[in-house]
Amino acid sequence: MRIRNMSNEWRWTRQRRKVLETLGSRRDHPTAEDVYRDLRAQGEQVSLATVYRTLRSLEQEELARTLHGAGADRFDACIDPHYHLSCDKCGRTVDVPVAYHRPLDEAARQSGFEIRGHSLIFFGRCPRCTDEEA
């Protein structure tokens, strides 16, 4: 199986499929290390470097997105526009259950930029980290 990009052709290897399947099976926005551990637990012979490269390639192919926040980057297989909450202590990241606000894209477009979307991450403390501090 191959996926076509405007500039190149990307081969679907077994490892790439497994990385995407593993990422897609999680709802907690895992790190590359989390994906790697899941794959190894499934008996897959894959290196951590391959997982990192594959996750970055999936983002380039618009099949996943990278979330930058506290700690290690996290990854999301849901590429539909949505927002996130991120704990600035443990890095836990969850989806925010509010609708994507497309008028922000239009407002930014008025600046002359070609807008493909926007990202919004709320930073704070998750309930677990808040309880630990109390």
C-alpha atoms as a PDB file:
ATOM      1  CA  MET A   1       0.000   0.000   0.000  1.00  0.00           C
ATOM      2  CA  ARG A   2       1.281   3.477  -0.803  1.00  0.00           C
ATOM      3  CA  ILE A   3       0.033   6.900   0.130  1.00  0.00           C
ATOM      4  CA  ARG A   4       0.650   9.742  -2.267  1.00  0.00           C
ATOM      5  CA  ASN A   5       1.832  13.126  -1.150  1.00  0.00           C
ATOM      6  CA  MET A   6       2.177  16.175  -3.398  1.00  0.00           C
ATOM      7  CA  SER A   7       5.970  15.926  -3.372  1.00  0.00           C
ATOM      8  CA  ASN A   8       6.765  12.242  -2.892  1.00  0.00           C
ATOM      9  CA  GLU A   9       5.506   8.709  -2.555  1.00  0.00           C
ATOM     10  CA  TRP A  10       5.464   7.070   0.853  1.00  0.00           C
ATOM     11  CA  ARG A  11       5.714   3.296   1.236  1.00  0.00           C
ATOM     12  CA  TRP A  12       3.485   1.651   3.824  1.00  0.00           C
ATOM     13  CA  THR A  13       5.718  -0.793   5.642  1.00  0.00           C
ATOM     14  CA  ARG A  14       4.454  -3.205   8.283  1.00  0.00           C
ATOM     15  CA  GLN A  15       6.159  -1.124  10.982  1.00  0.00           C
ATOM     16  CA  ARG A  16       4.523   2.105   9.780  1.00  0.00           C
ATOM     17  CA  ARG A  17       1.097   0.462   9.771  1.00  0.00           C
ATOM     18  CA  LYS A  18       1.690  -0.894  13.279  1.00  0.00           C
ATOM     19  CA  VAL A  19       2.798   2.521  14.598  1.00  0.00           C
ATOM     20  CA  LEU A  20      -0.329   4.184  13.157  1.00  0.00           C
ATOM     21  CA  GLU A  21      -2.595   1.398  14.461  1.00  0.00           C
ATOM     22  CA  THR A  22      -1.054   1.633  17.920  1.00  0.00           C
ATOM     23  CA  LEU A  23      -1.327   5.414  17.983  1.00  0.00           C
ATOM     24  CA  GLY A  24      -4.930   5.236  16.759  1.00  0.00           C
ATOM     25  CA  SER A  25      -5.862   2.726  19.451  1.00  0.00           C
ATOM     26  CA  ARG A  26      -4.968   5.179  22.217  1.00  0.00           C
ATOM     27  CA  ARG A  27      -6.966   8.186  23.371  1.00  0.00           C
ATOM     28  CA  ASP A  28      -4.402   9.568  25.802  1.00  0.00           C
ATOM     29  CA  HIS A  29      -2.053  11.331  23.358  1.00  0.00           C
ATOM     30  CA  PRO A  30       0.979   9.081  23.949  1.00  0.00           C
ATOM     31  CA  THR A  31       4.642   9.963  23.686  1.00  0.00           C
ATOM     32  CA  ALA A  32       6.861   8.152  21.182  1.00  0.00           C
ATOM     33  CA  GLU A  33       8.185   6.100  24.100  1.00  0.00           C
ATOM     34  CA  ASP A  34       4.623   5.059  25.001  1.00  0.00           C
ATOM     35  CA  VAL A  35       4.001   3.894  21.419  1.00  0.00           C
ATOM     36  CA  TYR A  36       7.347   2.080  21.428  1.00  0.00           C
ATOM     37  CA  ARG A  37       6.509   0.255  24.688  1.00  0.00           C
ATOM     38  CA  ASP A  38       3.091  -0.773  23.319  1.00  0.00           C
ATOM     39  CA  LEU A  39       4.654  -2.130  20.133  1.00  0.00           C
ATOM     40  CA  ARG A  40       7.300  -4.071  22.055  1.00  0.00           C
ATOM     41  CA  ALA A  41       4.585  -5.504  24.349  1.00  0.00           C
ATOM     42  CA  GLN A  42       2.811  -6.708  21.185  1.00  0.00           C
ATOM     43  CA  GLY A  43       6.000  -8.513  20.172  1.00  0.00           C
ATOM     44  CA  GLU A  44       6.991  -6.070  17.427  1.00  0.00           C
ATOM     45  CA  GLN A  45      10.707  -5.778  16.697  1.00  0.00           C
ATOM     46  CA  VAL A  46      10.985  -2.023  16.227  1.00  0.00           C
ATOM     47  CA  SER A  47      13.492   0.537  17.451  1.00  0.00           C
ATOM     48  CA  LEU A  48      12.622   3.719  19.292  1.00  0.00           C
ATOM     49  CA  ALA A  49      14.311   5.695  16.484  1.00  0.00           C
ATOM     50  CA  THR A  50      11.987   4.053  13.935  1.00  0.00           C
ATOM     51  CA  VAL A  51       8.964   4.982  16.044  1.00  0.00           C
ATOM     52  CA  TYR A  52      10.113   8.623  16.219  1.00  0.00           C
ATOM     53  CA  ARG A  53      10.801   8.788  12.464  1.00  0.00           C
ATOM     54  CA  THR A  54       7.491   7.151  11.667  1.00  0.00           C
ATOM     55  CA  LEU A  55       5.495   9.482  13.904  1.00  0.00           C
ATOM     56  CA  ARG A  56       7.171  12.507  12.260  1.00  0.00           C
ATOM     57  CA  SER A  57       6.439  11.045   8.815  1.00  0.00           C
ATOM     58  CA  LEU A  58       2.808  10.424   9.763  1.00  0.00           C
ATOM     59  CA  GLU A  59       2.555  14.088  10.688  1.00  0.00           C
ATOM     60  CA  GLN A  60       4.035  15.137   7.329  1.00  0.00           C
ATOM     61  CA  GLU A  61       1.483  12.901   5.592  1.00  0.00           C
ATOM     62  CA  GLU A  62      -1.257  14.537   7.719  1.00  0.00           C
ATOM     63  CA  LEU A  63      -2.185  11.225   9.346  1.00  0.00           C
ATOM     64  CA  ALA A  64      -1.207  12.344  12.861  1.00  0.00           C
ATOM     65  CA  ARG A  65      -0.268  15.513  14.670  1.00  0.00           C
ATOM     66  CA  THR A  66       2.413  16.406  17.175  1.00  0.00           C
ATOM     67  CA  LEU A  67       1.452  18.214  20.359  1.00  0.00           C
ATOM     68  CA  HIS A  68       4.171  20.305  21.984  1.00  0.00           C
ATOM     69  CA  GLY A  69       3.728  20.982  25.661  1.00  0.00           C
ATOM     70  CA  ALA A  70       5.324  20.170  28.979  1.00  0.00           C
ATOM     71  CA  GLY A  71       7.782  17.308  28.732  1.00  0.00           C
ATOM     72  CA  ALA A  72       8.065  15.050  25.714  1.00  0.00           C
ATOM     73  CA  ASP A  73       6.073  15.666  22.538  1.00  0.00           C
ATOM     74  CA  ARG A  74       2.799  13.804  22.416  1.00  0.00           C
ATOM     75  CA  PHE A  75       1.036  12.452  19.358  1.00  0.00           C
ATOM     76  CA  ASP A  76      -2.575  12.388  18.237  1.00  0.00           C
ATOM     77  CA  ALA A  77      -4.055  10.189  15.505  1.00  0.00           C
ATOM     78  CA  CYS A  78      -7.174  12.386  15.399  1.00  0.00           C
ATOM     79  CA  ILE A  79      -6.382  15.003  12.777  1.00  0.00           C
ATOM     80  CA  ASP A  80      -9.814  16.628  12.836  1.00  0.00           C
ATOM     81  CA  PRO A  81      -9.472  20.156  14.212  1.00  0.00           C
ATOM     82  CA  HIS A  82      -9.863  20.165  17.992  1.00  0.00           C
ATOM     83  CA  TYR A  83      -8.321  21.616  21.128  1.00  0.00           C
ATOM     84  CA  HIS A  84      -6.326  20.155  24.023  1.00  0.00           C
ATOM     85  CA  LEU A  85      -5.676  20.483  27.749  1.00  0.00           C
ATOM     86  CA  SER A  86      -2.110  19.752  28.874  1.00  0.00           C
ATOM     87  CA  CYS A  87      -0.810  19.309  32.407  1.00  0.00           C
ATOM     88  CA  ASP A  88       2.318  21.389  32.849  1.00  0.00           C
ATOM     89  CA  LYS A  89       3.557  19.016  35.562  1.00  0.00           C
ATOM     90  CA  CYS A  90       3.090  15.451  34.223  1.00  0.00           C
ATOM     91  CA  GLY A  91       2.415  16.255  30.547  1.00  0.00           C
ATOM     92  CA  ARG A  92      -0.926  14.413  30.428  1.00  0.00           C
ATOM     93  CA  THR A  93      -2.896  15.734  27.458  1.00  0.00           C
ATOM     94  CA  VAL A  94      -6.616  15.332  26.767  1.00  0.00           C
ATOM     95  CA  ASP A  95      -9.082  16.618  24.198  1.00  0.00           C
ATOM     96  CA  VAL A  96     -11.243  19.628  25.080  1.00  0.00           C
ATOM     97  CA  PRO A  97     -14.912  18.940  24.332  1.00  0.00           C
ATOM     98  CA  VAL A  98     -15.628  22.238  22.557  1.00  0.00           C
ATOM     99  CA  ALA A  99     -16.220  22.895  18.878  1.00  0.00           C
ATOM    100  CA  TYR A 100     -13.377  24.105  16.669  1.00  0.00           C
ATOM    101  CA  HIS A 101     -13.816  27.821  15.992  1.00  0.00           C
ATOM    102  CA  ARG A 102     -13.354  28.275  12.222  1.00  0.00           C
ATOM    103  CA  PRO A 103     -13.908  32.073  12.338  1.00  0.00           C
ATOM    104  CA  LEU A 104     -10.413  32.330  13.863  1.00  0.00           C
ATOM    105  CA  ASP A 105      -8.996  30.849  10.649  1.00  0.00           C
ATOM    106  CA  GLU A 106     -10.847  33.476   8.611  1.00  0.00           C
ATOM    107  CA  ALA A 107      -9.725  36.328  10.855  1.00  0.00           C
ATOM    108  CA  ALA A 108      -6.095  35.222  10.478  1.00  0.00           C
ATOM    109  CA  ARG A 109      -6.540  34.845   6.711  1.00  0.00           C
ATOM    110  CA  GLN A 110      -7.320  38.570   6.524  1.00  0.00           C
ATOM    111  CA  SER A 111      -3.675  39.175   7.429  1.00  0.00           C
ATOM    112  CA  GLY A 112      -2.656  37.761   4.052  1.00  0.00           C
ATOM    113  CA  PHE A 113      -1.480  34.410   5.403  1.00  0.00           C
ATOM    114  CA  GLU A 114      -2.682  31.194   3.805  1.00  0.00           C
ATOM    115  CA  ILE A 115      -4.288  29.546   6.831  1.00  0.00           C
ATOM    116  CA  ARG A 116      -4.474  25.751   7.099  1.00  0.00           C
ATOM    117  CA  GLY A 117      -5.778  25.697  10.651  1.00  0.00           C
ATOM    118  CA  HIS A 118      -4.914  26.720  14.177  1.00  0.00           C
ATOM    119  CA  SER A 119      -3.926  24.986  17.374  1.00  0.00           C
ATOM    120  CA  LEU A 120      -4.976  25.762  20.903  1.00  0.00           C
ATOM    121  CA  ILE A 121      -3.603  24.038  23.986  1.00  0.00           C
ATOM    122  CA  PHE A 122      -4.740  25.024  27.467  1.00  0.00           C
ATOM    123  CA  PHE A 123      -1.979  24.537  30.065  1.00  0.00           C
ATOM    124  CA  GLY A 124      -2.599  23.895  33.742  1.00  0.00           C
ATOM    125  CA  ARG A 125      -2.639  21.055  36.254  1.00  0.00           C
ATOM    126  CA  CYS A 126      -4.557  17.832  35.792  1.00  0.00           C
ATOM    127  CA  PRO A 127      -6.715  16.572  38.704  1.00  0.00           C
ATOM    128  CA  ARG A 128      -4.136  13.897  39.647  1.00  0.00           C
ATOM    129  CA  CYS A 129      -1.273  16.421  39.934  1.00  0.00           C
ATOM    130  CA  THR A 130      -3.514  18.913  41.748  1.00  0.00           C
ATOM    131  CA  ASP A 131      -4.476  16.218  44.298  1.00  0.00           C
ATOM    132  CA  GLU A 132      -0.803  15.306  44.822  1.00  0.00           C
ATOM    133  CA  GLU A 133       0.017  18.919  45.661  1.00  0.00           C
ATOM    134  CA  ALA A 134      -2.780  19.233  48.219  1.00  0.00           C
END
